[in-house]
Amino acid sequence: MTGRNLHPSREDVLIDFATREDRLAPEVLRGFVQRFPEYEDELVELARDLATPEFDAVPECGAVDEALANDALTRFFEVDARLAEHTAGTEVSDPFAGLDRAGCRRVAAELGANLLFIGRLRDRLIRSEEMTAGFLARLAELLGTGAAALAEFLAGPPRVPAGLRFKADGKPEAATKQGFQEALDGSGLSDEQKRHLASL
């Protein structure tokens, strides 16, 4: 079944490509272009950007005055400690922070979802108030956190996906949040996966 909502958007395709560990392999780019020919130009440009040496190059630095550097570092830690005292208890921890791509795949598989849907949850692009208590509890269990802490994190403002930050000409803007059902319909999930996630 190929409904309009089942086809991933340009943003979703680029995010999926940019976050793959094997994205620099020519066959991976070919596979994406074959599946999404309408995004060929953007995929080729993104692959070229990701392959440029400047992303991994270490910048050359001039000589550093050790005494000045140590003094600056000491002042930084003092200011940082004072700020930490004022903000203690106000930051919401990111339950996705420790997940690499393999971890995201594991969570997606055990939740009965896919990487695209997990990416939308991680980037807070889905309205948490539309998620069921069962869904939040299961996701929290897989992430090793509490349901209340997860709900608090997901209720935060949407984030710009990491794979697209460097692609923007100006300061990138986070997308608007989607409804839960809208996210299920637009994440390339099978009908069975959508029914399962909606039933939690």
C-alpha atoms as a PDB file:
ATOM      1  CA  MET A   1       0.000   0.000   0.000  1.00  0.00           C
ATOM      2  CA  THR A   2       1.509   3.323  -1.020  1.00  0.00           C
ATOM      3  CA  GLY A   3      -0.533   6.085   0.590  1.00  0.00           C
ATOM      4  CA  ARG A   4       0.698   9.647   0.461  1.00  0.00           C
ATOM      5  CA  ASN A   5       1.514   9.705   4.166  1.00  0.00           C
ATOM      6  CA  LEU A   6       3.581   6.504   3.987  1.00  0.00           C
ATOM      7  CA  HIS A   7       6.303   8.077   1.793  1.00  0.00           C
ATOM      8  CA  PRO A   8       9.024   9.716   3.913  1.00  0.00           C
ATOM      9  CA  SER A   9       9.573  13.447   3.451  1.00  0.00           C
ATOM     10  CA  ARG A  10      12.783  14.994   2.075  1.00  0.00           C
ATOM     11  CA  GLU A  11      13.829  15.893   5.645  1.00  0.00           C
ATOM     12  CA  ASP A  12      13.268  12.327   6.872  1.00  0.00           C
ATOM     13  CA  VAL A  13      15.251  10.809   3.989  1.00  0.00           C
ATOM     14  CA  LEU A  14      18.185  13.205   4.510  1.00  0.00           C
ATOM     15  CA  ILE A  15      18.206  12.593   8.276  1.00  0.00           C
ATOM     16  CA  ASP A  16      18.183   8.840   7.760  1.00  0.00           C
ATOM     17  CA  PHE A  17      21.074   9.073   5.261  1.00  0.00           C
ATOM     18  CA  ALA A  18      23.141  11.522   7.363  1.00  0.00           C
ATOM     19  CA  THR A  19      22.904   9.416  10.522  1.00  0.00           C
ATOM     20  CA  ARG A  20      24.006   6.113   8.932  1.00  0.00           C
ATOM     21  CA  GLU A  21      27.459   4.941   9.953  1.00  0.00           C
ATOM     22  CA  ASP A  22      28.074   3.576   6.435  1.00  0.00           C
ATOM     23  CA  ARG A  23      26.816   6.733   4.678  1.00  0.00           C
ATOM     24  CA  LEU A  24      30.129   7.250   2.811  1.00  0.00           C
ATOM     25  CA  ALA A  25      29.889   3.882   1.041  1.00  0.00           C
ATOM     26  CA  PRO A  26      28.923   4.468  -2.636  1.00  0.00           C
ATOM     27  CA  GLU A  27      26.384   1.631  -2.604  1.00  0.00           C
ATOM     28  CA  VAL A  28      24.499   3.284   0.283  1.00  0.00           C
ATOM     29  CA  LEU A  29      24.086   6.510  -1.715  1.00  0.00           C
ATOM     30  CA  ARG A  30      23.039   4.508  -4.785  1.00  0.00           C
ATOM     31  CA  GLY A  31      20.438   2.655  -2.735  1.00  0.00           C
ATOM     32  CA  PHE A  32      18.959   5.882  -1.369  1.00  0.00           C
ATOM     33  CA  VAL A  33      18.852   7.472  -4.840  1.00  0.00           C
ATOM     34  CA  GLN A  34      17.133   4.393  -6.275  1.00  0.00           C
ATOM     35  CA  ARG A  35      14.508   4.436  -3.501  1.00  0.00           C
ATOM     36  CA  PHE A  36      14.046   8.223  -3.525  1.00  0.00           C
ATOM     37  CA  PRO A  37      14.946   9.533  -7.013  1.00  0.00           C
ATOM     38  CA  GLU A  38      13.088  12.788  -6.341  1.00  0.00           C
ATOM     39  CA  TYR A  39      15.720  13.676  -3.697  1.00  0.00           C
ATOM     40  CA  GLU A  40      18.768  12.687  -5.792  1.00  0.00           C
ATOM     41  CA  ASP A  41      20.296  16.197  -5.949  1.00  0.00           C
ATOM     42  CA  GLU A  42      19.957  16.749  -2.190  1.00  0.00           C
ATOM     43  CA  LEU A  43      21.319  13.278  -1.371  1.00  0.00           C
ATOM     44  CA  VAL A  44      24.344  13.716  -3.653  1.00  0.00           C
ATOM     45  CA  GLU A  45      25.069  17.162  -2.194  1.00  0.00           C
ATOM     46  CA  LEU A  46      24.726  15.855   1.365  1.00  0.00           C
ATOM     47  CA  ALA A  47      27.020  12.893   0.607  1.00  0.00           C
ATOM     48  CA  ARG A  48      29.594  15.287  -0.883  1.00  0.00           C
ATOM     49  CA  ASP A  49      29.425  17.534   2.207  1.00  0.00           C
ATOM     50  CA  LEU A  50      29.799  14.584   4.560  1.00  0.00           C
ATOM     51  CA  ALA A  51      32.832  13.302   2.638  1.00  0.00           C
ATOM     52  CA  THR A  52      34.808  16.571   2.682  1.00  0.00           C
ATOM     53  CA  PRO A  53      37.968  16.380   4.808  1.00  0.00           C
ATOM     54  CA  GLU A  54      37.131  19.594   6.669  1.00  0.00           C
ATOM     55  CA  PHE A  55      34.579  17.756   8.809  1.00  0.00           C
ATOM     56  CA  ASP A  56      37.325  15.607  10.325  1.00  0.00           C
ATOM     57  CA  ALA A  57      40.289  17.979   9.961  1.00  0.00           C
ATOM     58  CA  VAL A  58      41.971  19.275  13.095  1.00  0.00           C
ATOM     59  CA  PRO A  59      42.445  23.058  12.843  1.00  0.00           C
ATOM     60  CA  GLU A  60      45.943  24.450  13.214  1.00  0.00           C
ATOM     61  CA  CYS A  61      46.432  26.553  16.351  1.00  0.00           C
ATOM     62  CA  GLY A  62      49.077  29.043  17.305  1.00  0.00           C
ATOM     63  CA  ALA A  63      51.304  28.722  20.358  1.00  0.00           C
ATOM     64  CA  VAL A  64      49.440  28.860  23.669  1.00  0.00           C
ATOM     65  CA  ASP A  65      50.641  30.663  26.777  1.00  0.00           C
ATOM     66  CA  GLU A  66      50.249  27.930  29.422  1.00  0.00           C
ATOM     67  CA  ALA A  67      49.828  30.364  32.336  1.00  0.00           C
ATOM     68  CA  LEU A  68      47.087  32.344  30.561  1.00  0.00           C
ATOM     69  CA  ALA A  69      45.356  29.150  29.466  1.00  0.00           C
ATOM     70  CA  ASN A  70      45.374  27.715  33.003  1.00  0.00           C
ATOM     71  CA  ASP A  71      44.083  30.992  34.437  1.00  0.00           C
ATOM     72  CA  ALA A  72      41.257  31.124  31.869  1.00  0.00           C
ATOM     73  CA  LEU A  73      40.375  27.499  32.556  1.00  0.00           C
ATOM     74  CA  THR A  74      40.266  28.116  36.310  1.00  0.00           C
ATOM     75  CA  ARG A  75      37.944  31.121  35.839  1.00  0.00           C
ATOM     76  CA  PHE A  76      35.748  29.055  33.517  1.00  0.00           C
ATOM     77  CA  PHE A  77      35.322  26.277  36.098  1.00  0.00           C
ATOM     78  CA  GLU A  78      34.503  28.844  38.816  1.00  0.00           C
ATOM     79  CA  VAL A  79      31.800  30.464  36.667  1.00  0.00           C
ATOM     80  CA  ASP A  80      30.516  27.057  35.568  1.00  0.00           C
ATOM     81  CA  ALA A  81      30.231  25.903  39.203  1.00  0.00           C
ATOM     82  CA  ARG A  82      28.272  29.063  40.155  1.00  0.00           C
ATOM     83  CA  LEU A  83      25.923  28.588  37.212  1.00  0.00           C
ATOM     84  CA  ALA A  84      25.414  24.932  38.130  1.00  0.00           C
ATOM     85  CA  GLU A  85      24.303  25.976  41.628  1.00  0.00           C
ATOM     86  CA  HIS A  86      21.645  28.271  40.160  1.00  0.00           C
ATOM     87  CA  THR A  87      20.371  25.781  37.601  1.00  0.00           C
ATOM     88  CA  ALA A  88      20.534  22.608  39.705  1.00  0.00           C
ATOM     89  CA  GLY A  89      17.358  20.614  39.379  1.00  0.00           C
ATOM     90  CA  THR A  90      15.999  22.657  36.452  1.00  0.00           C
ATOM     91  CA  GLU A  91      17.559  20.706  33.582  1.00  0.00           C
ATOM     92  CA  VAL A  92      15.676  17.797  32.084  1.00  0.00           C
ATOM     93  CA  SER A  93      17.993  14.915  31.252  1.00  0.00           C
ATOM     94  CA  ASP A  94      17.909  13.511  27.727  1.00  0.00           C
ATOM     95  CA  PRO A  95      17.106   9.775  27.919  1.00  0.00           C
ATOM     96  CA  PHE A  96      18.301   9.356  24.308  1.00  0.00           C
ATOM     97  CA  ALA A  97      21.726  10.942  24.964  1.00  0.00           C
ATOM     98  CA  GLY A  98      23.564   7.672  25.551  1.00  0.00           C
ATOM     99  CA  LEU A  99      22.143   5.912  22.488  1.00  0.00           C
ATOM    100  CA  ASP A 100      24.320   5.359  19.432  1.00  0.00           C
ATOM    101  CA  ARG A 101      22.831   4.173  16.144  1.00  0.00           C
ATOM    102  CA  ALA A 102      22.913   0.533  17.254  1.00  0.00           C
ATOM    103  CA  GLY A 103      21.122   1.497  20.476  1.00  0.00           C
ATOM    104  CA  CYS A 104      18.478   3.381  18.507  1.00  0.00           C
ATOM    105  CA  ARG A 105      17.979   0.328  16.300  1.00  0.00           C
ATOM    106  CA  ARG A 106      17.569  -1.879  19.384  1.00  0.00           C
ATOM    107  CA  VAL A 107      14.984   0.463  20.925  1.00  0.00           C
ATOM    108  CA  ALA A 108      13.140   0.691  17.596  1.00  0.00           C
ATOM    109  CA  ALA A 109      13.054  -3.109  17.232  1.00  0.00           C
ATOM    110  CA  GLU A 110      11.916  -3.745  20.814  1.00  0.00           C
ATOM    111  CA  LEU A 111       9.292  -0.997  20.622  1.00  0.00           C
ATOM    112  CA  GLY A 112       8.011  -2.327  17.289  1.00  0.00           C
ATOM    113  CA  ALA A 113       8.874   0.885  15.414  1.00  0.00           C
ATOM    114  CA  ASN A 114      11.596   2.059  13.023  1.00  0.00           C
ATOM    115  CA  LEU A 115      14.577   4.439  13.192  1.00  0.00           C
ATOM    116  CA  LEU A 116      12.670   7.308  11.611  1.00  0.00           C
ATOM    117  CA  PHE A 117       9.981   7.192  14.302  1.00  0.00           C
ATOM    118  CA  ILE A 118      12.605   6.909  17.078  1.00  0.00           C
ATOM    119  CA  GLY A 119      14.420   9.902  15.569  1.00  0.00           C
ATOM    120  CA  ARG A 120      11.240  11.943  15.747  1.00  0.00           C
ATOM    121  CA  LEU A 121      10.796  11.002  19.404  1.00  0.00           C
ATOM    122  CA  ARG A 122      14.458  11.837  20.159  1.00  0.00           C
ATOM    123  CA  ASP A 123      14.117  15.245  18.474  1.00  0.00           C
ATOM    124  CA  ARG A 124      10.832  15.916  20.326  1.00  0.00           C
ATOM    125  CA  LEU A 125       8.872  16.292  17.092  1.00  0.00           C
ATOM    126  CA  ILE A 126       5.781  14.460  18.416  1.00  0.00           C
ATOM    127  CA  ARG A 127       3.289  15.953  20.879  1.00  0.00           C
ATOM    128  CA  SER A 128       3.792  14.022  24.098  1.00  0.00           C
ATOM    129  CA  GLU A 129       0.334  14.863  25.423  1.00  0.00           C
ATOM    130  CA  GLU A 130      -1.141  12.610  22.694  1.00  0.00           C
ATOM    131  CA  MET A 131       0.935   9.587  23.748  1.00  0.00           C
ATOM    132  CA  THR A 132      -0.759   6.973  25.893  1.00  0.00           C
ATOM    133  CA  ALA A 133       0.506   6.120  29.366  1.00  0.00           C
ATOM    134  CA  GLY A 134       1.264   2.599  28.107  1.00  0.00           C
ATOM    135  CA  PHE A 135       3.358   3.907  25.227  1.00  0.00           C
ATOM    136  CA  LEU A 136       5.338   6.232  27.525  1.00  0.00           C
ATOM    137  CA  ALA A 137       5.861   3.454  30.069  1.00  0.00           C
ATOM    138  CA  ARG A 138       7.161   1.000  27.442  1.00  0.00           C
ATOM    139  CA  LEU A 139       9.475   3.582  25.828  1.00  0.00           C
ATOM    140  CA  ALA A 140      10.751   4.672  29.255  1.00  0.00           C
ATOM    141  CA  GLU A 141      11.487   1.035  30.134  1.00  0.00           C
ATOM    142  CA  LEU A 142      13.520   0.584  26.922  1.00  0.00           C
ATOM    143  CA  LEU A 143      15.430   3.821  27.551  1.00  0.00           C
ATOM    144  CA  GLY A 144      16.134   2.945  31.175  1.00  0.00           C
ATOM    145  CA  THR A 145      14.338   5.950  32.651  1.00  0.00           C
ATOM    146  CA  GLY A 146      11.068   6.749  34.405  1.00  0.00           C
ATOM    147  CA  ALA A 147       7.861   7.509  32.510  1.00  0.00           C
ATOM    148  CA  ALA A 148       7.495  10.895  34.250  1.00  0.00           C
ATOM    149  CA  ALA A 149      11.071  11.928  33.365  1.00  0.00           C
ATOM    150  CA  LEU A 150      10.544  10.796  29.774  1.00  0.00           C
ATOM    151  CA  ALA A 151       7.260  12.703  29.488  1.00  0.00           C
ATOM    152  CA  GLU A 152       8.952  15.829  30.847  1.00  0.00           C
ATOM    153  CA  PHE A 153      11.744  15.505  28.264  1.00  0.00           C
ATOM    154  CA  LEU A 154       9.343  14.869  25.359  1.00  0.00           C
ATOM    155  CA  ALA A 155       7.243  17.895  26.353  1.00  0.00           C
ATOM    156  CA  GLY A 156      10.226  20.180  25.693  1.00  0.00           C
ATOM    157  CA  PRO A 157      10.602  22.239  22.519  1.00  0.00           C
ATOM    158  CA  PRO A 158      11.427  20.438  19.266  1.00  0.00           C
ATOM    159  CA  ARG A 159      15.102  20.119  18.369  1.00  0.00           C
ATOM    160  CA  VAL A 160      16.819  20.538  15.011  1.00  0.00           C
ATOM    161  CA  PRO A 161      17.920  17.054  13.884  1.00  0.00           C
ATOM    162  CA  ALA A 162      21.705  16.764  14.211  1.00  0.00           C
ATOM    163  CA  GLY A 163      22.154  15.544  10.643  1.00  0.00           C
ATOM    164  CA  LEU A 164      20.647  18.736   9.210  1.00  0.00           C
ATOM    165  CA  ARG A 165      22.309  21.385  11.375  1.00  0.00           C
ATOM    166  CA  PHE A 166      25.217  21.848   9.004  1.00  0.00           C
ATOM    167  CA  LYS A 167      23.007  21.935   5.894  1.00  0.00           C
ATOM    168  CA  ALA A 168      21.190  25.167   6.734  1.00  0.00           C
ATOM    169  CA  ASP A 169      22.332  28.456   5.167  1.00  0.00           C
ATOM    170  CA  GLY A 170      21.317  30.423   8.258  1.00  0.00           C
ATOM    171  CA  LYS A 171      20.424  29.315  11.761  1.00  0.00           C
ATOM    172  CA  PRO A 172      18.327  26.132  11.360  1.00  0.00           C
ATOM    173  CA  GLU A 173      14.823  26.140  12.814  1.00  0.00           C
ATOM    174  CA  ALA A 174      13.279  23.166  14.561  1.00  0.00           C
ATOM    175  CA  ALA A 175      10.165  21.759  12.918  1.00  0.00           C
ATOM    176  CA  THR A 176       6.692  22.049  14.415  1.00  0.00           C
ATOM    177  CA  LYS A 177       5.535  19.130  16.554  1.00  0.00           C
ATOM    178  CA  GLN A 178       3.268  16.520  14.974  1.00  0.00           C
ATOM    179  CA  GLY A 179       0.319  14.740  16.488  1.00  0.00           C
ATOM    180  CA  PHE A 180       0.991  11.144  17.564  1.00  0.00           C
ATOM    181  CA  GLN A 181      -1.232   9.616  14.848  1.00  0.00           C
ATOM    182  CA  GLU A 182       0.225  11.953  12.229  1.00  0.00           C
ATOM    183  CA  ALA A 183       3.729  10.796  13.218  1.00  0.00           C
ATOM    184  CA  LEU A 184       2.661   7.157  12.998  1.00  0.00           C
ATOM    185  CA  ASP A 185       1.218   7.726   9.514  1.00  0.00           C
ATOM    186  CA  GLY A 186       4.212   9.696   8.241  1.00  0.00           C
ATOM    187  CA  SER A 187       7.123   7.592   9.489  1.00  0.00           C
ATOM    188  CA  GLY A 188       7.061   4.749   6.990  1.00  0.00           C
ATOM    189  CA  LEU A 189       5.692   2.276   9.539  1.00  0.00           C
ATOM    190  CA  SER A 190       3.751  -0.794   8.454  1.00  0.00           C
ATOM    191  CA  ASP A 191       0.051  -1.010   9.294  1.00  0.00           C
ATOM    192  CA  GLU A 192       0.874  -3.680  11.872  1.00  0.00           C
ATOM    193  CA  GLN A 193       3.503  -1.444  13.534  1.00  0.00           C
ATOM    194  CA  LYS A 194       1.072   1.490  13.637  1.00  0.00           C
ATOM    195  CA  ARG A 195      -1.653  -0.656  15.207  1.00  0.00           C
ATOM    196  CA  HIS A 196       0.805  -2.013  17.772  1.00  0.00           C
ATOM    197  CA  LEU A 197       2.159   1.411  18.794  1.00  0.00           C
ATOM    198  CA  ALA A 198      -1.313   2.942  18.978  1.00  0.00           C
ATOM    199  CA  SER A 199      -2.515   0.065  21.176  1.00  0.00           C
ATOM    200  CA  LEU A 200       0.158   0.441  23.880  1.00  0.00           C
END
